Amino acid sequence: MIWLSAVFKPKFGGSSATVLFTGSSVTIAGDKFSVPDSNITLSSSLQTCGTAAFVGGEWEASAPLPGSGNTFLSAVSVPVPSGVNWANAQVMWCGDVFAPGEIDVQIAAAVYTSCSMSSASPEACETQTQFRRRSHGLHE
């Protein structure tokens, strides 16, 4: 099982904002997988770390604005077919970002022996064997 996650840092200010990530998919070595939509609420009134939950088939998250760290954008659990080796596979994550300004995005992938969307967190998965990270800048 591959757990793919994306986080972002907003490059805009204000007292509140909404960031939407919709129509998202991940392609691994030519195989395409749908990713649940995300709705992230940012607010200057939040003083603590952000939260994220998988509710009704989509991600709902909240975080302080401006944030001092990474803010959850999306995640998906992808099953690895038996006999397939994606160790050096090309991974492409595409989707529509709606934000009041530019955001910087980082994606990560980890391989686990078991993990599912019902876990809704990599901490609930077992046996991490690989980690890769890439950074991309996205804007509306």
C-alpha atoms as a PDB file:
ATOM      1  CA  MET A   1       0.000   0.000   0.000  1.00  0.00           C
ATOM      2  CA  ILE A   2       1.274   3.483  -0.862  1.00  0.00           C
ATOM      3  CA  TRP A   3       0.142   6.412   1.272  1.00  0.00           C
ATOM      4  CA  LEU A   4       0.448   9.650  -0.721  1.00  0.00           C
ATOM      5  CA  SER A   5       0.018  12.956   1.072  1.00  0.00           C
ATOM      6  CA  ALA A   6       0.229  16.618   0.129  1.00  0.00           C
ATOM      7  CA  VAL A   7       0.767  19.663   2.325  1.00  0.00           C
ATOM      8  CA  PHE A   8       0.997  23.350   1.474  1.00  0.00           C
ATOM      9  CA  LYS A   9       2.136  26.716   2.735  1.00  0.00           C
ATOM     10  CA  PRO A  10      -0.037  29.679   1.760  1.00  0.00           C
ATOM     11  CA  LYS A  11       1.807  32.598   0.185  1.00  0.00           C
ATOM     12  CA  PHE A  12      -1.026  34.997   0.959  1.00  0.00           C
ATOM     13  CA  GLY A  13      -2.349  36.734   4.046  1.00  0.00           C
ATOM     14  CA  GLY A  14      -5.672  37.839   5.425  1.00  0.00           C
ATOM     15  CA  SER A  15      -7.852  36.865   8.335  1.00  0.00           C
ATOM     16  CA  SER A  16      -9.546  33.899   6.640  1.00  0.00           C
ATOM     17  CA  ALA A  17      -9.506  31.923   3.410  1.00  0.00           C
ATOM     18  CA  THR A  18     -10.688  28.702   1.852  1.00  0.00           C
ATOM     19  CA  VAL A  19      -8.496  26.443  -0.256  1.00  0.00           C
ATOM     20  CA  LEU A  20     -10.175  23.777  -2.381  1.00  0.00           C
ATOM     21  CA  PHE A  21      -8.381  20.891  -4.095  1.00  0.00           C
ATOM     22  CA  THR A  22     -10.780  19.137  -6.491  1.00  0.00           C
ATOM     23  CA  GLY A  23     -10.771  16.736  -9.416  1.00  0.00           C
ATOM     24  CA  SER A  24      -7.475  15.341  -8.188  1.00  0.00           C
ATOM     25  CA  SER A  25      -5.802  12.166  -9.435  1.00  0.00           C
ATOM     26  CA  VAL A  26      -2.478  10.415  -9.020  1.00  0.00           C
ATOM     27  CA  THR A  27      -0.819   8.590 -11.897  1.00  0.00           C
ATOM     28  CA  ILE A  28       1.857   6.025 -11.033  1.00  0.00           C
ATOM     29  CA  ALA A  29       3.689   4.407 -13.962  1.00  0.00           C
ATOM     30  CA  GLY A  30       0.657   5.020 -16.185  1.00  0.00           C
ATOM     31  CA  ASP A  31      -1.952   3.743 -13.691  1.00  0.00           C
ATOM     32  CA  LYS A  32      -4.417   6.480 -12.647  1.00  0.00           C
ATOM     33  CA  PHE A  33      -6.094   6.705  -9.221  1.00  0.00           C
ATOM     34  CA  SER A  34      -8.766   9.180  -8.068  1.00  0.00           C
ATOM     35  CA  VAL A  35      -8.073  11.266  -4.976  1.00  0.00           C
ATOM     36  CA  PRO A  36     -10.839  12.609  -2.702  1.00  0.00           C
ATOM     37  CA  ASP A  37     -11.575  16.342  -2.884  1.00  0.00           C
ATOM     38  CA  SER A  38     -10.342  18.605  -0.081  1.00  0.00           C
ATOM     39  CA  ASN A  39     -11.867  21.647   1.598  1.00  0.00           C
ATOM     40  CA  ILE A  40      -9.422  23.549   3.827  1.00  0.00           C
ATOM     41  CA  THR A  41     -10.538  26.467   5.998  1.00  0.00           C
ATOM     42  CA  LEU A  42      -7.793  28.882   7.087  1.00  0.00           C
ATOM     43  CA  SER A  43      -8.426  31.387   9.871  1.00  0.00           C
ATOM     44  CA  SER A  44      -6.334  33.850  11.856  1.00  0.00           C
ATOM     45  CA  SER A  45      -8.563  33.071  14.870  1.00  0.00           C
ATOM     46  CA  LEU A  46      -7.094  29.549  15.136  1.00  0.00           C
ATOM     47  CA  GLN A  47      -4.149  29.524  17.520  1.00  0.00           C
ATOM     48  CA  THR A  48      -3.295  25.811  17.458  1.00  0.00           C
ATOM     49  CA  CYS A  49      -2.205  23.196  14.943  1.00  0.00           C
ATOM     50  CA  GLY A  50      -4.460  22.372  12.042  1.00  0.00           C
ATOM     51  CA  THR A  51      -6.825  19.413  11.886  1.00  0.00           C
ATOM     52  CA  ALA A  52      -7.843  17.093   9.044  1.00  0.00           C
ATOM     53  CA  ALA A  53     -10.560  14.456   8.845  1.00  0.00           C
ATOM     54  CA  PHE A  54     -11.960  12.212   6.118  1.00  0.00           C
ATOM     55  CA  VAL A  55     -15.703  12.967   6.207  1.00  0.00           C
ATOM     56  CA  GLY A  56     -18.351  11.879   3.729  1.00  0.00           C
ATOM     57  CA  GLY A  57     -15.803  10.851   1.107  1.00  0.00           C
ATOM     58  CA  GLU A  58     -13.734  14.037   1.178  1.00  0.00           C
ATOM     59  CA  TRP A  59     -11.066  15.710   3.283  1.00  0.00           C
ATOM     60  CA  GLU A  60     -12.063  18.555   5.599  1.00  0.00           C
ATOM     61  CA  ALA A  61      -9.274  20.491   7.250  1.00  0.00           C
ATOM     62  CA  SER A  62      -8.698  23.676   9.218  1.00  0.00           C
ATOM     63  CA  ALA A  63      -5.508  25.532  10.028  1.00  0.00           C
ATOM     64  CA  PRO A  64      -4.223  28.896  11.269  1.00  0.00           C
ATOM     65  CA  LEU A  65      -3.598  31.725   8.801  1.00  0.00           C
ATOM     66  CA  PRO A  66      -0.848  32.632   8.460  1.00  0.00           C
ATOM     67  CA  GLY A  67       0.516  29.218   9.327  1.00  0.00           C
ATOM     68  CA  SER A  68       3.995  28.628  10.670  1.00  0.00           C
ATOM     69  CA  GLY A  69       4.283  25.149   9.154  1.00  0.00           C
ATOM     70  CA  ASN A  70       2.748  22.882   6.580  1.00  0.00           C
ATOM     71  CA  THR A  71      -1.032  22.672   6.168  1.00  0.00           C
ATOM     72  CA  PHE A  72      -2.748  19.449   5.084  1.00  0.00           C
ATOM     73  CA  LEU A  73      -3.931  19.548   1.447  1.00  0.00           C
ATOM     74  CA  SER A  74      -4.877  15.950   0.582  1.00  0.00           C
ATOM     75  CA  ALA A  75      -4.030  12.268   0.934  1.00  0.00           C
ATOM     76  CA  VAL A  76      -4.876   8.937  -0.627  1.00  0.00           C
ATOM     77  CA  SER A  77      -4.100   5.277  -0.052  1.00  0.00           C
ATOM     78  CA  VAL A  78      -3.196   3.391  -3.251  1.00  0.00           C
ATOM     79  CA  PRO A  79      -3.042  -0.424  -3.392  1.00  0.00           C
ATOM     80  CA  VAL A  80       0.010  -1.910  -5.107  1.00  0.00           C
ATOM     81  CA  PRO A  81      -1.042  -4.741  -7.429  1.00  0.00           C
ATOM     82  CA  SER A  82       0.576  -8.100  -6.744  1.00  0.00           C
ATOM     83  CA  GLY A  83       3.836  -8.524  -8.640  1.00  0.00           C
ATOM     84  CA  VAL A  84       4.146  -4.817  -9.492  1.00  0.00           C
ATOM     85  CA  ASN A  85       7.319  -2.922  -8.555  1.00  0.00           C
ATOM     86  CA  TRP A  86       6.884   0.851  -8.522  1.00  0.00           C
ATOM     87  CA  ALA A  87      10.250   1.496  -6.822  1.00  0.00           C
ATOM     88  CA  ASN A  88      11.432   3.949  -9.518  1.00  0.00           C
ATOM     89  CA  ALA A  89       8.057   4.754 -11.083  1.00  0.00           C
ATOM     90  CA  GLN A  90       7.156   8.256 -12.210  1.00  0.00           C
ATOM     91  CA  VAL A  91       4.425   9.757 -10.016  1.00  0.00           C
ATOM     92  CA  MET A  92       2.230  12.656 -11.163  1.00  0.00           C
ATOM     93  CA  TRP A  93      -0.432  14.278  -8.937  1.00  0.00           C
ATOM     94  CA  CYS A  94      -2.824  16.628 -10.723  1.00  0.00           C
ATOM     95  CA  GLY A  95      -5.886  18.522  -9.589  1.00  0.00           C
ATOM     96  CA  ASP A  96      -7.584  21.900  -9.496  1.00  0.00           C
ATOM     97  CA  VAL A  97      -6.489  24.278  -6.730  1.00  0.00           C
ATOM     98  CA  PHE A  98      -8.768  27.173  -5.817  1.00  0.00           C
ATOM     99  CA  ALA A  99      -7.086  29.640  -3.444  1.00  0.00           C
ATOM    100  CA  PRO A 100      -6.998  33.426  -2.954  1.00  0.00           C
ATOM    101  CA  GLY A 101      -3.309  33.406  -3.903  1.00  0.00           C
ATOM    102  CA  GLU A 102      -0.306  31.227  -4.540  1.00  0.00           C
ATOM    103  CA  ILE A 103       0.539  28.168  -2.439  1.00  0.00           C
ATOM    104  CA  ASP A 104       3.698  26.055  -2.202  1.00  0.00           C
ATOM    105  CA  VAL A 105       2.961  22.315  -2.227  1.00  0.00           C
ATOM    106  CA  GLN A 106       5.034  19.358  -1.044  1.00  0.00           C
ATOM    107  CA  ILE A 107       4.070  15.773  -1.734  1.00  0.00           C
ATOM    108  CA  ALA A 108       5.306  12.633  -0.029  1.00  0.00           C
ATOM    109  CA  ALA A 109       4.894   8.902  -0.592  1.00  0.00           C
ATOM    110  CA  ALA A 110       5.414   6.094   1.894  1.00  0.00           C
ATOM    111  CA  VAL A 111       5.008   2.353   1.429  1.00  0.00           C
ATOM    112  CA  TYR A 112       3.203   0.300   4.102  1.00  0.00           C
ATOM    113  CA  THR A 113       2.244  -3.342   4.433  1.00  0.00           C
ATOM    114  CA  SER A 114      -1.327  -2.271   5.244  1.00  0.00           C
ATOM    115  CA  CYS A 115      -3.196   1.007   5.084  1.00  0.00           C
ATOM    116  CA  SER A 116      -6.627   2.196   3.981  1.00  0.00           C
ATOM    117  CA  MET A 117      -8.598   5.395   3.614  1.00  0.00           C
ATOM    118  CA  SER A 118     -10.619   4.299   6.655  1.00  0.00           C
ATOM    119  CA  SER A 119      -7.378   4.689   8.648  1.00  0.00           C
ATOM    120  CA  ALA A 120      -7.302   8.319   7.464  1.00  0.00           C
ATOM    121  CA  SER A 121      -3.791   8.721   8.828  1.00  0.00           C
ATOM    122  CA  PRO A 122      -0.426   7.169   8.108  1.00  0.00           C
ATOM    123  CA  GLU A 123       0.094   6.680  11.849  1.00  0.00           C
ATOM    124  CA  ALA A 124      -2.529   3.913  11.649  1.00  0.00           C
ATOM    125  CA  CYS A 125      -0.576   2.107   8.917  1.00  0.00           C
ATOM    126  CA  GLU A 126       2.158  -0.461   9.456  1.00  0.00           C
ATOM    127  CA  THR A 127       5.789  -0.927   8.349  1.00  0.00           C
ATOM    128  CA  GLN A 128       6.976   2.156   6.510  1.00  0.00           C
ATOM    129  CA  THR A 129       9.587   1.178   3.934  1.00  0.00           C
ATOM    130  CA  GLN A 130      10.111   4.194   1.677  1.00  0.00           C
ATOM    131  CA  PHE A 131       9.774   7.970   1.753  1.00  0.00           C
ATOM    132  CA  ARG A 132      10.173  10.504  -1.051  1.00  0.00           C
ATOM    133  CA  ARG A 133       9.426  14.211  -1.097  1.00  0.00           C
ATOM    134  CA  ARG A 134       9.125  16.758  -3.878  1.00  0.00           C
ATOM    135  CA  SER A 135       8.196  20.439  -3.813  1.00  0.00           C
ATOM    136  CA  HIS A 136       6.041  22.291  -6.316  1.00  0.00           C
ATOM    137  CA  GLY A 137       4.584  25.795  -6.431  1.00  0.00           C
ATOM    138  CA  LEU A 138       0.920  25.996  -7.427  1.00  0.00           C
ATOM    139  CA  HIS A 139      -1.256  29.017  -7.937  1.00  0.00           C
ATOM    140  CA  GLU A 140      -4.868  29.689  -8.825  1.00  0.00           C
END
